[in-house]
Amino acid sequence: MELPHCPQCDSNNISRNGIVKEKQRYKCKDCGYNFTVDKLGKSIEGYFVTKALQLYLEGLSFREIERLLGISHVSVMNWVRKYQIIIPGRKNNYRPSTLILTYAELIEFYANRENLRGIGVTVTEIDDKFMLIKWERTKK
């Protein structure tokens, strides 16, 4: 079994030093630092974290992001809090709507000029499909 490196001095001269709260404790023989190793949980690829935050900034709700990416809405909320994401001008009169399209459908959407009149559009890739986010001004 390979022992971890010291988080203080990055030394690999480590010895076991008891158990605290059912976790193995280690002591660095070089600097004397005591530490426990964090539990390795299910980690989510950085691509999906970035994509979730990008979708949040585009105006999608946590639940919509959950349905699109298959990532818990609580995880998305925690990332927003962790990275201190703030959407400027939260009280605007634009409402985003989304479409999931294949490449051929995306080309067809852009080919029709009427689809682009009076809206803002962002396209982002999700797996083998494309998500089109469009904003239309809501009536007051």
N, C-alpha and C. Protein backbone atom coordinates (compact mmCIF):
# COMPACT_ATOMS: atom_id res chain seq x y z
N MET A 1 0.84 -1.19 0.00
CA MET A 1 0.00 0.00 0.00
C MET A 1 0.88 1.25 0.00
N GLU A 2 0.53 2.18 -0.85
CA GLU A 2 1.31 3.41 -0.96
C GLU A 2 0.77 4.47 -0.01
N LEU A 3 1.66 5.04 0.79
CA LEU A 3 1.26 6.07 1.74
C LEU A 3 1.15 7.42 1.03
N PRO A 4 0.28 8.31 1.53
CA PRO A 4 0.13 9.62 0.88
C PRO A 4 1.32 10.52 1.15
N HIS A 5 1.36 11.62 0.41
CA HIS A 5 2.39 12.64 0.62
C HIS A 5 1.90 13.64 1.66
N CYS A 6 2.83 14.24 2.35
CA CYS A 6 2.49 15.24 3.36
C CYS A 6 1.93 16.50 2.67
N PRO A 7 0.76 16.99 3.10
CA PRO A 7 0.20 18.19 2.48
C PRO A 7 0.98 19.46 2.84
N GLN A 8 1.79 19.39 3.90
CA GLN A 8 2.55 20.55 4.35
C GLN A 8 3.85 20.72 3.57
N CYS A 9 4.64 19.62 3.49
CA CYS A 9 5.97 19.73 2.86
C CYS A 9 6.13 18.81 1.65
N ASP A 10 5.10 18.08 1.29
CA ASP A 10 5.08 17.18 0.14
C ASP A 10 6.11 16.04 0.24
N SER A 11 6.49 15.70 1.45
CA SER A 11 7.42 14.60 1.67
C SER A 11 6.67 13.27 1.60
N ASN A 12 7.37 12.22 1.20
CA ASN A 12 6.74 10.90 1.21
C ASN A 12 7.28 10.06 2.37
N ASN A 13 7.98 10.69 3.30
CA ASN A 13 8.50 10.04 4.49
C ASN A 13 7.42 10.10 5.57
N ILE A 14 6.42 9.21 5.46
CA ILE A 14 5.18 9.26 6.25
C ILE A 14 5.06 7.98 7.07
N SER A 15 4.46 8.08 8.26
CA SER A 15 4.13 6.89 9.05
C SER A 15 2.69 7.00 9.53
N ARG A 16 2.08 5.87 9.81
CA ARG A 16 0.73 5.86 10.36
C ARG A 16 0.79 6.34 11.80
N ASN A 17 -0.26 7.07 12.21
CA ASN A 17 -0.25 7.66 13.54
C ASN A 17 -1.63 7.58 14.18
N GLY A 18 -2.23 6.39 14.19
CA GLY A 18 -3.51 6.20 14.86
C GLY A 18 -4.70 6.39 13.95
N ILE A 19 -5.89 6.31 14.56
CA ILE A 19 -7.15 6.48 13.84
C ILE A 19 -7.99 7.51 14.59
N VAL A 20 -8.52 8.48 13.86
CA VAL A 20 -9.37 9.51 14.44
C VAL A 20 -10.68 9.52 13.67
N LYS A 21 -11.80 9.36 14.41
CA LYS A 21 -13.14 9.34 13.80
C LYS A 21 -13.21 8.37 12.62
N GLU A 22 -12.67 7.19 12.86
CA GLU A 22 -12.67 6.09 11.89
C GLU A 22 -11.87 6.38 10.61
N LYS A 23 -10.97 7.35 10.67
CA LYS A 23 -10.09 7.65 9.53
C LYS A 23 -8.65 7.46 9.96
N GLN A 24 -7.86 6.93 9.05
CA GLN A 24 -6.44 6.73 9.33
C GLN A 24 -5.73 8.07 9.44
N ARG A 25 -4.94 8.23 10.47
CA ARG A 25 -4.17 9.45 10.68
C ARG A 25 -2.71 9.16 10.33
N TYR A 26 -2.03 10.15 9.76
CA TYR A 26 -0.63 9.99 9.36
C TYR A 26 0.21 11.10 9.99
N LYS A 27 1.52 10.83 10.12
CA LYS A 27 2.45 11.84 10.62
C LYS A 27 3.65 11.90 9.70
N CYS A 28 4.03 13.09 9.33
CA CYS A 28 5.20 13.30 8.48
C CYS A 28 6.45 13.23 9.37
N LYS A 29 7.40 12.39 8.99
CA LYS A 29 8.63 12.25 9.78
C LYS A 29 9.59 13.41 9.56
N ASP A 30 9.39 14.15 8.47
CA ASP A 30 10.28 15.28 8.18
C ASP A 30 9.87 16.55 8.92
N CYS A 31 8.58 16.92 8.83
CA CYS A 31 8.14 18.18 9.44
C CYS A 31 7.27 17.98 10.68
N GLY A 32 6.86 16.73 10.96
CA GLY A 32 6.08 16.45 12.17
C GLY A 32 4.60 16.76 12.04
N TYR A 33 4.12 17.05 10.85
CA TYR A 33 2.72 17.43 10.61
C TYR A 33 1.82 16.19 10.68
N ASN A 34 0.71 16.28 11.44
CA ASN A 34 -0.28 15.23 11.51
C ASN A 34 -1.43 15.55 10.56
N PHE A 35 -1.92 14.55 9.83
CA PHE A 35 -3.02 14.79 8.89
C PHE A 35 -3.77 13.50 8.62
N THR A 36 -4.98 13.65 8.13
CA THR A 36 -5.78 12.52 7.66
C THR A 36 -6.02 12.73 6.17
N VAL A 37 -6.26 11.66 5.47
CA VAL A 37 -6.48 11.74 4.03
C VAL A 37 -7.97 11.90 3.79
N ASP A 38 -8.32 12.83 2.94
CA ASP A 38 -9.73 13.05 2.62
C ASP A 38 -10.31 11.83 1.93
N LYS A 39 -11.57 11.61 2.19
CA LYS A 39 -12.28 10.51 1.54
C LYS A 39 -12.40 10.81 0.06
N LEU A 40 -12.09 9.83 -0.75
CA LEU A 40 -12.23 10.00 -2.19
C LEU A 40 -13.66 9.67 -2.56
N GLY A 41 -14.42 10.66 -2.93
CA GLY A 41 -15.81 10.45 -3.32
C GLY A 41 -15.95 10.45 -4.83
N LYS A 42 -17.17 10.44 -5.25
CA LYS A 42 -17.43 10.49 -6.69
C LYS A 42 -17.11 11.90 -7.17
N SER A 43 -16.16 12.00 -8.07
CA SER A 43 -15.80 13.32 -8.57
C SER A 43 -16.41 13.51 -9.95
N ILE A 44 -16.79 14.73 -10.23
CA ILE A 44 -17.40 15.06 -11.51
C ILE A 44 -16.36 15.79 -12.35
N GLU A 45 -16.28 15.40 -13.58
CA GLU A 45 -15.31 15.96 -14.51
C GLU A 45 -15.47 17.48 -14.59
N GLY A 46 -14.35 18.19 -14.66
CA GLY A 46 -14.35 19.65 -14.72
C GLY A 46 -15.16 20.21 -15.87
N TYR A 47 -15.24 19.46 -16.97
CA TYR A 47 -16.03 19.89 -18.13
C TYR A 47 -17.49 20.12 -17.74
N PHE A 48 -18.04 19.19 -16.94
CA PHE A 48 -19.45 19.30 -16.56
C PHE A 48 -19.67 20.41 -15.53
N VAL A 49 -18.69 20.65 -14.67
CA VAL A 49 -18.80 21.76 -13.73
C VAL A 49 -18.85 23.08 -14.50
N THR A 50 -17.93 23.23 -15.44
CA THR A 50 -17.89 24.44 -16.26
C THR A 50 -19.18 24.61 -17.06
N LYS A 51 -19.64 23.52 -17.66
CA LYS A 51 -20.86 23.56 -18.47
C LYS A 51 -22.07 23.94 -17.60
N ALA A 52 -22.16 23.38 -16.39
CA ALA A 52 -23.28 23.68 -15.49
C ALA A 52 -23.26 25.15 -15.09
N LEU A 53 -22.09 25.68 -14.77
CA LEU A 53 -21.99 27.09 -14.40
C LEU A 53 -22.29 28.00 -15.58
N GLN A 54 -21.86 27.59 -16.76
CA GLN A 54 -22.14 28.35 -17.97
C GLN A 54 -23.66 28.41 -18.21
N LEU A 55 -24.33 27.28 -18.05
CA LEU A 55 -25.78 27.25 -18.24
C LEU A 55 -26.50 28.08 -17.19
N TYR A 56 -25.99 28.06 -15.97
CA TYR A 56 -26.56 28.89 -14.91
C TYR A 56 -26.45 30.37 -15.26
N LEU A 57 -25.28 30.76 -15.77
CA LEU A 57 -25.09 32.16 -16.17
C LEU A 57 -25.97 32.54 -17.35
N GLU A 58 -26.33 31.56 -18.17
CA GLU A 58 -27.21 31.83 -19.31
C GLU A 58 -28.66 32.00 -18.87
N GLY A 59 -28.96 31.71 -17.59
CA GLY A 59 -30.29 31.95 -17.08
C GLY A 59 -31.13 30.71 -16.83
N LEU A 60 -30.57 29.52 -17.00
CA LEU A 60 -31.32 28.30 -16.75
C LEU A 60 -31.41 28.04 -15.25
N SER A 61 -32.50 27.40 -14.83
CA SER A 61 -32.67 27.10 -13.42
C SER A 61 -31.84 25.87 -13.05
N PHE A 62 -31.67 25.67 -11.75
CA PHE A 62 -30.90 24.52 -11.28
C PHE A 62 -31.54 23.21 -11.74
N ARG A 63 -32.86 23.13 -11.71
CA ARG A 63 -33.56 21.91 -12.12
C ARG A 63 -33.42 21.67 -13.63
N GLU A 64 -33.44 22.74 -14.42
CA GLU A 64 -33.24 22.59 -15.87
C GLU A 64 -31.84 22.06 -16.17
N ILE A 65 -30.86 22.56 -15.45
CA ILE A 65 -29.48 22.10 -15.62
C ILE A 65 -29.38 20.63 -15.22
N GLU A 66 -30.07 20.26 -14.15
CA GLU A 66 -30.07 18.87 -13.70
C GLU A 66 -30.63 17.96 -14.79
N ARG A 67 -31.73 18.35 -15.40
CA ARG A 67 -32.35 17.54 -16.45
C ARG A 67 -31.47 17.45 -17.69
N LEU A 68 -30.78 18.53 -18.03
CA LEU A 68 -29.95 18.54 -19.24
C LEU A 68 -28.65 17.75 -19.07
N LEU A 69 -27.97 17.93 -17.96
CA LEU A 69 -26.65 17.34 -17.78
C LEU A 69 -26.65 16.06 -16.96
N GLY A 70 -27.75 15.81 -16.25
CA GLY A 70 -27.80 14.62 -15.40
C GLY A 70 -26.98 14.76 -14.14
N ILE A 71 -26.78 15.99 -13.68
CA ILE A 71 -26.03 16.28 -12.47
C ILE A 71 -27.00 16.88 -11.46
N SER A 72 -26.89 16.48 -10.21
CA SER A 72 -27.80 16.93 -9.17
C SER A 72 -27.87 18.46 -9.11
N HIS A 73 -29.09 18.98 -8.94
CA HIS A 73 -29.25 20.43 -8.83
C HIS A 73 -28.57 20.96 -7.57
N VAL A 74 -28.45 20.12 -6.54
CA VAL A 74 -27.78 20.53 -5.31
C VAL A 74 -26.29 20.72 -5.58
N SER A 75 -25.70 19.87 -6.41
CA SER A 75 -24.29 20.04 -6.78
C SER A 75 -24.09 21.36 -7.51
N VAL A 76 -25.00 21.68 -8.41
CA VAL A 76 -24.89 22.94 -9.16
C VAL A 76 -25.00 24.12 -8.20
N MET A 77 -25.95 24.06 -7.26
CA MET A 77 -26.08 25.13 -6.26
C MET A 77 -24.80 25.28 -5.44
N ASN A 78 -24.21 24.15 -5.06
CA ASN A 78 -22.96 24.20 -4.28
C ASN A 78 -21.82 24.82 -5.08
N TRP A 79 -21.75 24.51 -6.39
CA TRP A 79 -20.71 25.11 -7.23
C TRP A 79 -20.91 26.60 -7.38
N VAL A 80 -22.16 27.03 -7.53
CA VAL A 80 -22.45 28.47 -7.64
C VAL A 80 -22.01 29.18 -6.37
N ARG A 81 -22.29 28.57 -5.23
CA ARG A 81 -21.87 29.15 -3.95
C ARG A 81 -20.35 29.12 -3.81
N LYS A 82 -19.73 27.98 -4.16
CA LYS A 82 -18.29 27.82 -4.00
C LYS A 82 -17.50 28.82 -4.85
N TYR A 83 -17.92 28.99 -6.11
CA TYR A 83 -17.20 29.88 -7.02
C TYR A 83 -17.76 31.30 -7.03
N GLN A 84 -18.72 31.57 -6.14
CA GLN A 84 -19.31 32.90 -5.95
C GLN A 84 -19.80 33.51 -7.27
N ILE A 85 -20.61 32.73 -7.99
CA ILE A 85 -21.15 33.18 -9.27
C ILE A 85 -22.35 34.09 -9.00
N ILE A 86 -22.29 35.27 -9.53
CA ILE A 86 -23.38 36.24 -9.37
C ILE A 86 -23.83 36.68 -10.75
N ILE A 87 -25.14 36.59 -10.99
CA ILE A 87 -25.68 37.02 -12.27
C ILE A 87 -26.09 38.49 -12.14
N PRO A 88 -25.46 39.37 -12.91
CA PRO A 88 -25.82 40.78 -12.84
C PRO A 88 -27.20 41.02 -13.45
N GLY A 89 -27.94 41.95 -12.88
CA GLY A 89 -29.24 42.32 -13.44
C GLY A 89 -30.23 41.17 -13.42
N ARG A 90 -30.42 40.55 -12.28
CA ARG A 90 -31.28 39.37 -12.15
C ARG A 90 -32.73 39.69 -12.53
N LYS A 91 -33.17 40.92 -12.32
CA LYS A 91 -34.56 41.28 -12.60
C LYS A 91 -34.67 41.92 -13.98
N ASN A 92 -34.51 41.10 -15.01
CA ASN A 92 -34.64 41.62 -16.37
C ASN A 92 -35.91 41.06 -17.00
N ASN A 93 -36.25 41.56 -18.14
CA ASN A 93 -37.47 41.11 -18.80
C ASN A 93 -37.17 40.15 -19.95
N TYR A 94 -36.11 39.39 -19.82
CA TYR A 94 -35.78 38.35 -20.79
C TYR A 94 -35.98 36.99 -20.14
N ARG A 95 -36.49 36.06 -20.89
CA ARG A 95 -36.66 34.71 -20.39
C ARG A 95 -36.02 33.74 -21.37
N PRO A 96 -35.05 32.92 -20.89
CA PRO A 96 -34.42 31.97 -21.79
C PRO A 96 -35.29 30.74 -22.03
N SER A 97 -35.22 30.22 -23.23
CA SER A 97 -35.83 28.93 -23.53
C SER A 97 -34.77 28.10 -24.25
N THR A 98 -34.86 26.79 -24.13
CA THR A 98 -33.81 25.94 -24.68
C THR A 98 -34.37 24.96 -25.69
N LEU A 99 -33.52 24.59 -26.63
CA LEU A 99 -33.82 23.55 -27.61
C LEU A 99 -32.61 22.63 -27.67
N ILE A 100 -32.85 21.33 -27.71
CA ILE A 100 -31.78 20.37 -27.92
C ILE A 100 -31.88 19.91 -29.37
N LEU A 101 -30.82 20.13 -30.14
CA LEU A 101 -30.85 19.86 -31.57
C LEU A 101 -29.66 19.02 -32.01
N THR A 102 -29.85 18.26 -33.07
CA THR A 102 -28.74 17.58 -33.72
C THR A 102 -28.05 18.60 -34.63
N TYR A 103 -26.95 18.21 -35.21
CA TYR A 103 -26.22 19.12 -36.09
C TYR A 103 -27.09 19.54 -37.27
N ALA A 104 -27.80 18.59 -37.90
CA ALA A 104 -28.65 18.89 -39.06
C ALA A 104 -29.79 19.83 -38.66
N GLU A 105 -30.38 19.61 -37.49
CA GLU A 105 -31.47 20.48 -37.03
C GLU A 105 -30.96 21.88 -36.72
N LEU A 106 -29.74 21.97 -36.20
CA LEU A 106 -29.15 23.28 -35.90
C LEU A 106 -28.93 24.07 -37.18
N ILE A 107 -28.42 23.42 -38.23
CA ILE A 107 -28.21 24.08 -39.52
C ILE A 107 -29.55 24.54 -40.08
N GLU A 108 -30.55 23.70 -39.97
CA GLU A 108 -31.88 24.04 -40.47
C GLU A 108 -32.47 25.23 -39.70
N PHE A 109 -32.24 25.27 -38.38
CA PHE A 109 -32.72 26.39 -37.56
C PHE A 109 -32.10 27.70 -38.02
N TYR A 110 -30.78 27.70 -38.25
CA TYR A 110 -30.10 28.92 -38.68
C TYR A 110 -30.43 29.30 -40.12
N ALA A 111 -30.82 28.35 -40.92
CA ALA A 111 -31.16 28.64 -42.31
C ALA A 111 -32.43 29.49 -42.43
N ASN A 112 -33.34 29.34 -41.50
CA ASN A 112 -34.59 30.10 -41.53
C ASN A 112 -34.39 31.42 -40.77
N ARG A 113 -34.37 32.53 -41.49
CA ARG A 113 -34.12 33.85 -40.89
C ARG A 113 -35.17 34.25 -39.86
N GLU A 114 -36.38 33.77 -40.01
CA GLU A 114 -37.46 34.12 -39.07
C GLU A 114 -37.16 33.59 -37.66
N ASN A 115 -36.43 32.51 -37.56
CA ASN A 115 -36.08 31.95 -36.24
C ASN A 115 -35.17 32.87 -35.45
N LEU A 116 -34.45 33.75 -36.13
CA LEU A 116 -33.46 34.60 -35.49
C LEU A 116 -33.93 36.04 -35.26
N ARG A 117 -35.14 36.36 -35.68
CA ARG A 117 -35.63 37.72 -35.59
C ARG A 117 -36.06 38.06 -34.15
N GLY A 118 -35.45 39.10 -33.58
CA GLY A 118 -35.85 39.62 -32.27
C GLY A 118 -35.45 38.78 -31.08
N ILE A 119 -34.45 37.93 -31.21
CA ILE A 119 -34.01 37.10 -30.09
C ILE A 119 -32.49 37.11 -30.00
N GLY A 120 -31.98 36.73 -28.84
CA GLY A 120 -30.56 36.49 -28.66
C GLY A 120 -30.36 34.98 -28.58
N VAL A 121 -29.26 34.49 -29.15
CA VAL A 121 -29.05 33.05 -29.22
C VAL A 121 -27.63 32.70 -28.78
N THR A 122 -27.52 31.62 -28.01
CA THR A 122 -26.24 31.02 -27.66
C THR A 122 -26.33 29.53 -27.94
N VAL A 123 -25.29 28.96 -28.51
CA VAL A 123 -25.26 27.52 -28.79
C VAL A 123 -24.10 26.91 -28.00
N THR A 124 -24.39 25.81 -27.34
CA THR A 124 -23.35 25.10 -26.60
C THR A 124 -23.48 23.60 -26.88
N GLU A 125 -22.36 22.93 -26.84
CA GLU A 125 -22.35 21.49 -27.15
C GLU A 125 -22.59 20.68 -25.89
N ILE A 126 -23.46 19.69 -25.98
CA ILE A 126 -23.69 18.74 -24.90
C ILE A 126 -23.63 17.35 -25.51
N ASP A 127 -22.59 16.62 -25.19
CA ASP A 127 -22.34 15.29 -25.74
C ASP A 127 -22.33 15.36 -27.27
N ASP A 128 -23.23 14.63 -27.95
CA ASP A 128 -23.25 14.63 -29.41
C ASP A 128 -24.33 15.54 -29.98
N LYS A 129 -24.99 16.32 -29.13
CA LYS A 129 -26.05 17.23 -29.56
C LYS A 129 -25.65 18.66 -29.23
N PHE A 130 -26.48 19.58 -29.65
CA PHE A 130 -26.25 21.00 -29.39
C PHE A 130 -27.44 21.57 -28.66
N MET A 131 -27.16 22.41 -27.67
CA MET A 131 -28.23 23.09 -26.97
C MET A 131 -28.25 24.54 -27.41
N LEU A 132 -29.40 24.95 -27.86
CA LEU A 132 -29.59 26.32 -28.31
C LEU A 132 -30.38 27.04 -27.23
N ILE A 133 -29.83 28.10 -26.68
CA ILE A 133 -30.50 28.90 -25.67
C ILE A 133 -30.88 30.21 -26.33
N LYS A 134 -32.17 30.52 -26.30
CA LYS A 134 -32.58 31.78 -26.92
C LYS A 134 -33.36 32.61 -25.92
N TRP A 135 -33.20 33.91 -26.01
CA TRP A 135 -33.87 34.85 -25.13
C TRP A 135 -34.86 35.66 -25.95
N GLU A 136 -36.06 35.72 -25.44
CA GLU A 136 -37.07 36.58 -26.04
C GLU A 136 -37.54 37.53 -24.97
N ARG A 137 -37.74 38.76 -25.34
CA ARG A 137 -38.20 39.75 -24.39
C ARG A 137 -39.64 39.44 -23.99
N THR A 138 -39.89 39.38 -22.69
CA THR A 138 -41.25 39.10 -22.24
C THR A 138 -42.04 40.40 -22.18
N LYS A 139 -43.34 40.29 -22.34
CA LYS A 139 -44.22 41.46 -22.28
C LYS A 139 -44.39 41.89 -20.84
N LYS A 140 -44.44 43.20 -20.63
CA LYS A 140 -44.63 43.74 -19.27
C LYS A 140 -46.08 43.91 -18.96
